[in-house]
Amino acid sequence: MALRAQQGFPGGSAVGAYWLARCEGFRVQAGRHALGTVQQVRTGSRRGEAAALVVGRHRRRIEVPVRRVLEVDPWGETVVVATQRRVPRPLLRPAAASGARGARIVVRGIRRQAPRAGRLARSGLVASRRSLGAAGAWSAPRARRLTDIVSRAVIAAGLSVVVLLAAILGALRTAIAWLAPRVANVSRSGLTAVRRGAVAGRRRLARSRPRHAARGRPSARRPL
């Protein structure tokens, strides 16, 4: 029984799966080569079973799938894995690895959506061109009509102003023609009246002078 306790458990067994989920810190051996120690156990199911072991050694980290595990020795804290011809792919740090995976996912999404986005952009461009053409075809004749209406209205307003000014000038000419002879007659009659008044004044003045002279002379008669 003591010899049995010192033996490991196969990686595919239930006990081996139990210890694989709890093997952080165990040494990892691949034949005669030591790969390092288990720094992290990555689970891949809801039951917490291990999916891969992150093994680190001298600042170098690699990921070993559980399917490569041959034996787990919980007493010796050793995990024996199968050798492979290719060197295991080194892993990035967890944050960098997750960031790289996120970037790859984003790039894949962009590549998948790029044709659709291009089609949508082309269809939007075609629709915008059609709408602009329809708007131009609809607005061009109406703009010309509006321009004609505005120009006609401006011309009609200008003609109305010219006719009004001509009517005002005609009325002024008529008023001047009507007032001119009457003003002349009034001025002549006024001048005649002034002249007559001046002549009458002179006559009165001439008549009044002998009387005043006779009154001022002394009487030639002597007193009795």
C-alpha atoms as a PDB file:
ATOM      1  CA  MET A   1       0.000   0.000   0.000  1.00  0.00           C
ATOM      2  CA  ALA A   2       2.888   2.386   0.669  1.00  0.00           C
ATOM      3  CA  LEU A   3       4.258   1.736  -2.805  1.00  0.00           C
ATOM      4  CA  ARG A   4       0.806   2.390  -4.294  1.00  0.00           C
ATOM      5  CA  ALA A   5       0.609   5.713  -2.464  1.00  0.00           C
ATOM      6  CA  GLN A   6       3.827   6.879  -4.015  1.00  0.00           C
ATOM      7  CA  GLN A   7       2.594   6.306  -7.594  1.00  0.00           C
ATOM      8  CA  GLY A   8       0.890   9.029  -9.656  1.00  0.00           C
ATOM      9  CA  PHE A   9      -2.543   9.122 -11.207  1.00  0.00           C
ATOM     10  CA  PRO A  10      -3.241   9.199 -14.962  1.00  0.00           C
ATOM     11  CA  GLY A  11      -4.139  12.607 -16.298  1.00  0.00           C
ATOM     12  CA  GLY A  12      -7.380  11.325 -17.865  1.00  0.00           C
ATOM     13  CA  SER A  13      -8.700   9.747 -14.648  1.00  0.00           C
ATOM     14  CA  ALA A  14     -11.106  11.368 -12.230  1.00  0.00           C
ATOM     15  CA  VAL A  15      -8.452  11.613  -9.507  1.00  0.00           C
ATOM     16  CA  GLY A  16      -5.957  12.993 -12.002  1.00  0.00           C
ATOM     17  CA  ALA A  17      -8.472  15.643 -13.100  1.00  0.00           C
ATOM     18  CA  TYR A  18      -9.058  16.501  -9.430  1.00  0.00           C
ATOM     19  CA  TRP A  19      -5.347  17.078  -8.787  1.00  0.00           C
ATOM     20  CA  LEU A  20      -4.836  18.904 -12.081  1.00  0.00           C
ATOM     21  CA  ALA A  21      -7.346  21.517 -10.942  1.00  0.00           C
ATOM     22  CA  ARG A  22      -5.213  21.964  -7.783  1.00  0.00           C
ATOM     23  CA  CYS A  23      -1.658  21.608  -9.077  1.00  0.00           C
ATOM     24  CA  GLU A  24      -0.397  25.174  -8.830  1.00  0.00           C
ATOM     25  CA  GLY A  25       3.255  25.104  -7.779  1.00  0.00           C
ATOM     26  CA  PHE A  26       3.839  21.560  -9.102  1.00  0.00           C
ATOM     27  CA  ARG A  27       6.916  20.840 -11.216  1.00  0.00           C
ATOM     28  CA  VAL A  28       6.271  19.963 -14.851  1.00  0.00           C
ATOM     29  CA  GLN A  29       8.419  17.297 -16.519  1.00  0.00           C
ATOM     30  CA  ALA A  30       8.506  16.422 -20.204  1.00  0.00           C
ATOM     31  CA  GLY A  31      10.585  13.278 -20.359  1.00  0.00           C
ATOM     32  CA  ARG A  32      13.991  14.225 -18.911  1.00  0.00           C
ATOM     33  CA  HIS A  33      13.450  17.964 -19.378  1.00  0.00           C
ATOM     34  CA  ALA A  34      11.985  20.233 -16.705  1.00  0.00           C
ATOM     35  CA  LEU A  35       9.596  22.750 -18.244  1.00  0.00           C
ATOM     36  CA  GLY A  36       9.081  24.782 -15.064  1.00  0.00           C
ATOM     37  CA  THR A  37       6.415  25.111 -12.408  1.00  0.00           C
ATOM     38  CA  VAL A  38       2.647  25.512 -12.731  1.00  0.00           C
ATOM     39  CA  GLN A  39       1.822  29.182 -12.151  1.00  0.00           C
ATOM     40  CA  GLN A  40      -1.838  29.128 -13.148  1.00  0.00           C
ATOM     41  CA  VAL A  41      -4.529  26.556 -13.858  1.00  0.00           C
ATOM     42  CA  ARG A  42      -7.038  27.593 -16.495  1.00  0.00           C
ATOM     43  CA  THR A  43     -10.424  26.003 -16.229  1.00  0.00           C
ATOM     44  CA  GLY A  44     -12.606  25.277 -19.227  1.00  0.00           C
ATOM     45  CA  SER A  45     -15.891  24.024 -17.757  1.00  0.00           C
ATOM     46  CA  ARG A  46     -18.429  25.013 -15.146  1.00  0.00           C
ATOM     47  CA  ARG A  47     -17.326  22.153 -12.866  1.00  0.00           C
ATOM     48  CA  GLY A  48     -13.895  23.700 -12.498  1.00  0.00           C
ATOM     49  CA  GLU A  49     -11.973  21.050 -14.434  1.00  0.00           C
ATOM     50  CA  ALA A  50      -8.585  22.131 -15.720  1.00  0.00           C
ATOM     51  CA  ALA A  51      -8.248  22.887 -19.435  1.00  0.00           C
ATOM     52  CA  ALA A  52      -4.634  24.044 -19.600  1.00  0.00           C
ATOM     53  CA  LEU A  53      -1.641  24.647 -17.320  1.00  0.00           C
ATOM     54  CA  VAL A  54       0.367  27.881 -17.512  1.00  0.00           C
ATOM     55  CA  VAL A  55       3.975  26.850 -16.876  1.00  0.00           C
ATOM     56  CA  GLY A  56       6.626  29.457 -16.172  1.00  0.00           C
ATOM     57  CA  ARG A  57      10.385  29.303 -16.068  1.00  0.00           C
ATOM     58  CA  HIS A  58      12.951  32.111 -16.189  1.00  0.00           C
ATOM     59  CA  ARG A  59      10.376  34.807 -17.153  1.00  0.00           C
ATOM     60  CA  ARG A  60       9.064  32.569 -19.898  1.00  0.00           C
ATOM     61  CA  ARG A  61       5.531  31.253 -19.856  1.00  0.00           C
ATOM     62  CA  ILE A  62       3.996  28.523 -21.969  1.00  0.00           C
ATOM     63  CA  GLU A  63       0.563  26.934 -22.039  1.00  0.00           C
ATOM     64  CA  VAL A  64       0.342  23.153 -21.786  1.00  0.00           C
ATOM     65  CA  PRO A  65      -3.024  21.576 -22.715  1.00  0.00           C
ATOM     66  CA  VAL A  66      -4.428  19.031 -20.276  1.00  0.00           C
ATOM     67  CA  ARG A  67      -4.554  16.411 -23.049  1.00  0.00           C
ATOM     68  CA  ARG A  68      -0.727  16.285 -22.919  1.00  0.00           C
ATOM     69  CA  VAL A  69      -0.693  15.378 -19.223  1.00  0.00           C
ATOM     70  CA  LEU A  70       0.340  11.748 -18.706  1.00  0.00           C
ATOM     71  CA  GLU A  71       0.536  11.548 -14.948  1.00  0.00           C
ATOM     72  CA  VAL A  72      -0.028  13.645 -11.818  1.00  0.00           C
ATOM     73  CA  ASP A  73       1.951  12.862  -8.658  1.00  0.00           C
ATOM     74  CA  PRO A  74       0.425  14.829  -5.755  1.00  0.00           C
ATOM     75  CA  TRP A  75       2.996  13.438  -3.254  1.00  0.00           C
ATOM     76  CA  GLY A  76       5.964  14.456  -5.340  1.00  0.00           C
ATOM     77  CA  GLU A  77       4.113  17.585  -6.632  1.00  0.00           C
ATOM     78  CA  THR A  78       5.050  16.655 -10.164  1.00  0.00           C
ATOM     79  CA  VAL A  79       3.136  16.695 -13.426  1.00  0.00           C
ATOM     80  CA  VAL A  80       4.464  14.552 -16.256  1.00  0.00           C
ATOM     81  CA  VAL A  81       3.504  15.635 -19.771  1.00  0.00           C
ATOM     82  CA  ALA A  82       4.142  14.116 -23.180  1.00  0.00           C
ATOM     83  CA  THR A  83       6.978  15.518 -25.226  1.00  0.00           C
ATOM     84  CA  GLN A  84       6.369  17.134 -28.587  1.00  0.00           C
ATOM     85  CA  ARG A  85       8.648  17.866 -31.457  1.00  0.00           C
ATOM     86  CA  ARG A  86       7.722  21.515 -31.732  1.00  0.00           C
ATOM     87  CA  VAL A  87       8.719  23.902 -29.020  1.00  0.00           C
ATOM     88  CA  PRO A  88       5.604  25.031 -27.085  1.00  0.00           C
ATOM     89  CA  ARG A  89       4.399  28.460 -28.087  1.00  0.00           C
ATOM     90  CA  PRO A  90       5.335  31.051 -25.427  1.00  0.00           C
ATOM     91  CA  LEU A  91       2.495  32.931 -23.885  1.00  0.00           C
ATOM     92  CA  LEU A  92       2.170  36.608 -23.273  1.00  0.00           C
ATOM     93  CA  ARG A  93       1.258  37.968 -19.916  1.00  0.00           C
ATOM     94  CA  PRO A  94      -2.427  37.484 -19.028  1.00  0.00           C
ATOM     95  CA  ALA A  95      -3.373  41.114 -19.627  1.00  0.00           C
ATOM     96  CA  ALA A  96      -1.386  41.298 -22.848  1.00  0.00           C
ATOM     97  CA  ALA A  97      -2.771  37.953 -23.998  1.00  0.00           C
ATOM     98  CA  SER A  98      -6.361  39.027 -23.330  1.00  0.00           C
ATOM     99  CA  GLY A  99      -5.681  42.319 -25.079  1.00  0.00           C
ATOM    100  CA  ALA A 100      -4.221  40.495 -28.069  1.00  0.00           C
ATOM    101  CA  ARG A 101      -7.231  38.179 -28.236  1.00  0.00           C
ATOM    102  CA  GLY A 102      -9.562  41.173 -28.010  1.00  0.00           C
ATOM    103  CA  ALA A 103      -7.643  42.902 -30.794  1.00  0.00           C
ATOM    104  CA  ARG A 104      -7.856  39.788 -32.969  1.00  0.00           C
ATOM    105  CA  ILE A 105     -11.589  39.551 -32.332  1.00  0.00           C
ATOM    106  CA  VAL A 106     -12.029  43.209 -33.249  1.00  0.00           C
ATOM    107  CA  VAL A 107      -9.989  42.771 -36.426  1.00  0.00           C
ATOM    108  CA  ARG A 108     -12.038  39.741 -37.409  1.00  0.00           C
ATOM    109  CA  GLY A 109     -15.255  41.650 -36.775  1.00  0.00           C
ATOM    110  CA  ILE A 110     -14.003  44.552 -38.853  1.00  0.00           C
ATOM    111  CA  ARG A 111     -13.034  42.212 -41.686  1.00  0.00           C
ATOM    112  CA  ARG A 112     -16.421  40.538 -41.583  1.00  0.00           C
ATOM    113  CA  GLN A 113     -18.323  43.813 -41.460  1.00  0.00           C
ATOM    114  CA  ALA A 114     -16.135  45.662 -43.977  1.00  0.00           C
ATOM    115  CA  PRO A 115     -17.964  44.349 -47.118  1.00  0.00           C
ATOM    116  CA  ARG A 116     -21.324  45.096 -45.554  1.00  0.00           C
ATOM    117  CA  ALA A 117     -20.185  48.559 -44.530  1.00  0.00           C
ATOM    118  CA  GLY A 118     -18.880  49.145 -48.054  1.00  0.00           C
ATOM    119  CA  ARG A 119     -22.208  48.072 -49.548  1.00  0.00           C
ATOM    120  CA  LEU A 120     -24.106  50.281 -47.136  1.00  0.00           C
ATOM    121  CA  ALA A 121     -21.819  53.219 -47.922  1.00  0.00           C
ATOM    122  CA  ARG A 122     -22.258  52.695 -51.671  1.00  0.00           C
ATOM    123  CA  SER A 123     -26.032  52.366 -51.357  1.00  0.00           C
ATOM    124  CA  GLY A 124     -26.129  55.494 -49.178  1.00  0.00           C
ATOM    125  CA  LEU A 125     -24.041  57.376 -51.736  1.00  0.00           C
ATOM    126  CA  VAL A 126     -26.295  56.271 -54.575  1.00  0.00           C
ATOM    127  CA  ALA A 127     -29.397  57.211 -52.593  1.00  0.00           C
ATOM    128  CA  SER A 128     -27.950  60.616 -51.740  1.00  0.00           C
ATOM    129  CA  ARG A 129     -27.091  61.221 -55.399  1.00  0.00           C
ATOM    130  CA  ARG A 130     -30.584  60.247 -56.457  1.00  0.00           C
ATOM    131  CA  SER A 131     -32.161  62.456 -53.811  1.00  0.00           C
ATOM    132  CA  LEU A 132     -29.944  65.368 -54.829  1.00  0.00           C
ATOM    133  CA  GLY A 133     -30.812  64.828 -58.484  1.00  0.00           C
ATOM    134  CA  ALA A 134     -34.520  64.631 -57.684  1.00  0.00           C
ATOM    135  CA  ALA A 135     -34.286  67.745 -55.517  1.00  0.00           C
ATOM    136  CA  GLY A 136     -32.442  69.579 -58.302  1.00  0.00           C
ATOM    137  CA  ALA A 137     -34.946  68.457 -60.929  1.00  0.00           C
ATOM    138  CA  TRP A 138     -37.819  69.515 -58.677  1.00  0.00           C
ATOM    139  CA  SER A 139     -36.370  72.848 -57.594  1.00  0.00           C
ATOM    140  CA  ALA A 140     -34.805  74.035 -60.881  1.00  0.00           C
ATOM    141  CA  PRO A 141     -38.053  74.863 -62.776  1.00  0.00           C
ATOM    142  CA  ARG A 142     -39.626  76.293 -59.650  1.00  0.00           C
ATOM    143  CA  ALA A 143     -36.580  78.463 -59.069  1.00  0.00           C
ATOM    144  CA  ARG A 144     -36.807  79.718 -62.655  1.00  0.00           C
ATOM    145  CA  ARG A 145     -40.508  80.423 -62.240  1.00  0.00           C
ATOM    146  CA  LEU A 146     -39.874  82.253 -59.001  1.00  0.00           C
ATOM    147  CA  THR A 147     -37.135  84.273 -60.684  1.00  0.00           C
ATOM    148  CA  ASP A 148     -39.475  85.183 -63.552  1.00  0.00           C
ATOM    149  CA  ILE A 149     -42.231  86.192 -61.141  1.00  0.00           C
ATOM    150  CA  VAL A 150     -39.869  88.323 -59.066  1.00  0.00           C
ATOM    151  CA  SER A 151     -38.401  89.994 -62.167  1.00  0.00           C
ATOM    152  CA  ARG A 152     -41.867  90.716 -63.528  1.00  0.00           C
ATOM    153  CA  ALA A 153     -42.959  92.146 -60.204  1.00  0.00           C
ATOM    154  CA  VAL A 154     -39.877  94.377 -60.093  1.00  0.00           C
ATOM    155  CA  ILE A 155     -40.489  95.585 -63.653  1.00  0.00           C
ATOM    156  CA  ALA A 156     -44.172  96.240 -62.904  1.00  0.00           C
ATOM    157  CA  ALA A 157     -43.249  98.172 -59.766  1.00  0.00           C
ATOM    158  CA  GLY A 158     -40.738 100.254 -61.729  1.00  0.00           C
ATOM    159  CA  LEU A 159     -43.301 101.033 -64.421  1.00  0.00           C
ATOM    160  CA  SER A 160     -45.841 101.979 -61.753  1.00  0.00           C
ATOM    161  CA  VAL A 161     -43.348 104.372 -60.197  1.00  0.00           C
ATOM    162  CA  VAL A 162     -42.593 105.902 -63.617  1.00  0.00           C
ATOM    163  CA  VAL A 163     -46.318 106.333 -64.382  1.00  0.00           C
ATOM    164  CA  LEU A 164     -46.898 107.894 -60.971  1.00  0.00           C
ATOM    165  CA  LEU A 165     -44.037 110.333 -61.449  1.00  0.00           C
ATOM    166  CA  ALA A 166     -45.339 111.237 -64.929  1.00  0.00           C
ATOM    167  CA  ALA A 167     -48.819 111.841 -63.489  1.00  0.00           C
ATOM    168  CA  ILE A 168     -47.387 114.041 -60.739  1.00  0.00           C
ATOM    169  CA  LEU A 169     -45.382 116.061 -63.282  1.00  0.00           C
ATOM    170  CA  GLY A 170     -48.451 116.456 -65.493  1.00  0.00           C
ATOM    171  CA  ALA A 171     -50.511 117.654 -62.541  1.00  0.00           C
ATOM    172  CA  LEU A 172     -47.784 120.143 -61.640  1.00  0.00           C
ATOM    173  CA  ARG A 173     -47.675 121.453 -65.199  1.00  0.00           C
ATOM    174  CA  THR A 174     -51.441 121.810 -65.288  1.00  0.00           C
ATOM    175  CA  ALA A 175     -51.459 123.632 -61.945  1.00  0.00           C
ATOM    176  CA  ILE A 176     -48.673 125.979 -63.096  1.00  0.00           C
ATOM    177  CA  ALA A 177     -50.492 126.643 -66.389  1.00  0.00           C
ATOM    178  CA  TRP A 178     -53.694 127.421 -64.513  1.00  0.00           C
ATOM    179  CA  LEU A 179     -52.065 129.638 -61.877  1.00  0.00           C
ATOM    180  CA  ALA A 180     -49.712 131.605 -64.126  1.00  0.00           C
ATOM    181  CA  PRO A 181     -52.287 133.892 -65.839  1.00  0.00           C
ATOM    182  CA  ARG A 182     -54.213 134.398 -62.645  1.00  0.00           C
ATOM    183  CA  VAL A 183     -51.094 135.363 -60.750  1.00  0.00           C
ATOM    184  CA  ALA A 184     -50.215 137.749 -63.571  1.00  0.00           C
ATOM    185  CA  ASN A 185     -53.685 139.319 -63.501  1.00  0.00           C
ATOM    186  CA  VAL A 186     -53.586 139.681 -59.764  1.00  0.00           C
ATOM    187  CA  SER A 187     -50.183 141.288 -59.932  1.00  0.00           C
ATOM    188  CA  ARG A 188     -51.308 143.678 -62.675  1.00  0.00           C
ATOM    189  CA  SER A 189     -54.471 144.695 -60.818  1.00  0.00           C
ATOM    190  CA  GLY A 190     -52.469 145.215 -57.667  1.00  0.00           C
ATOM    191  CA  LEU A 191     -49.948 147.347 -59.493  1.00  0.00           C
ATOM    192  CA  THR A 192     -52.742 149.390 -61.075  1.00  0.00           C
ATOM    193  CA  ALA A 193     -54.397 149.912 -57.710  1.00  0.00           C
ATOM    194  CA  VAL A 194     -51.112 151.035 -56.228  1.00  0.00           C
ATOM    195  CA  ARG A 195     -50.601 153.484 -59.034  1.00  0.00           C
ATOM    196  CA  ARG A 196     -54.109 154.872 -58.714  1.00  0.00           C
ATOM    197  CA  GLY A 197     -53.686 155.292 -55.003  1.00  0.00           C
ATOM    198  CA  ALA A 198     -50.432 157.136 -55.552  1.00  0.00           C
ATOM    199  CA  VAL A 199     -52.026 159.477 -58.064  1.00  0.00           C
ATOM    200  CA  ALA A 200     -55.002 160.174 -55.799  1.00  0.00           C
ATOM    201  CA  GLY A 201     -52.660 160.884 -52.936  1.00  0.00           C
ATOM    202  CA  ARG A 202     -50.723 163.348 -54.976  1.00  0.00           C
ATOM    203  CA  ARG A 203     -53.860 165.158 -56.016  1.00  0.00           C
ATOM    204  CA  ARG A 204     -55.073 165.448 -52.467  1.00  0.00           C
ATOM    205  CA  LEU A 205     -51.746 166.753 -51.391  1.00  0.00           C
ATOM    206  CA  ALA A 206     -51.749 169.322 -54.156  1.00  0.00           C
ATOM    207  CA  ARG A 207     -55.227 170.530 -53.221  1.00  0.00           C
ATOM    208  CA  SER A 208     -54.425 170.859 -49.570  1.00  0.00           C
ATOM    209  CA  ARG A 209     -51.337 173.039 -50.025  1.00  0.00           C
ATOM    210  CA  PRO A 210     -53.133 176.352 -51.172  1.00  0.00           C
ATOM    211  CA  ARG A 211     -55.516 176.203 -48.268  1.00  0.00           C
ATOM    212  CA  HIS A 212     -52.756 175.937 -45.789  1.00  0.00           C
ATOM    213  CA  ALA A 213     -50.911 178.796 -47.471  1.00  0.00           C
ATOM    214  CA  ALA A 214     -53.991 181.048 -47.397  1.00  0.00           C
ATOM    215  CA  ARG A 215     -54.524 180.343 -43.741  1.00  0.00           C
ATOM    216  CA  GLY A 216     -50.997 181.251 -42.921  1.00  0.00           C
ATOM    217  CA  ARG A 217     -51.019 184.716 -44.672  1.00  0.00           C
ATOM    218  CA  PRO A 218     -51.980 187.941 -42.585  1.00  0.00           C
ATOM    219  CA  SER A 219     -55.138 189.781 -43.479  1.00  0.00           C
ATOM    220  CA  ALA A 220     -54.710 193.031 -45.572  1.00  0.00           C
ATOM    221  CA  ARG A 221     -57.666 194.703 -44.117  1.00  0.00           C
ATOM    222  CA  ARG A 222     -57.127 197.364 -41.503  1.00  0.00           C
ATOM    223  CA  PRO A 223     -59.234 197.605 -38.402  1.00  0.00           C
ATOM    224  CA  LEU A 224     -61.816 200.292 -38.197  1.00  0.00           C
END
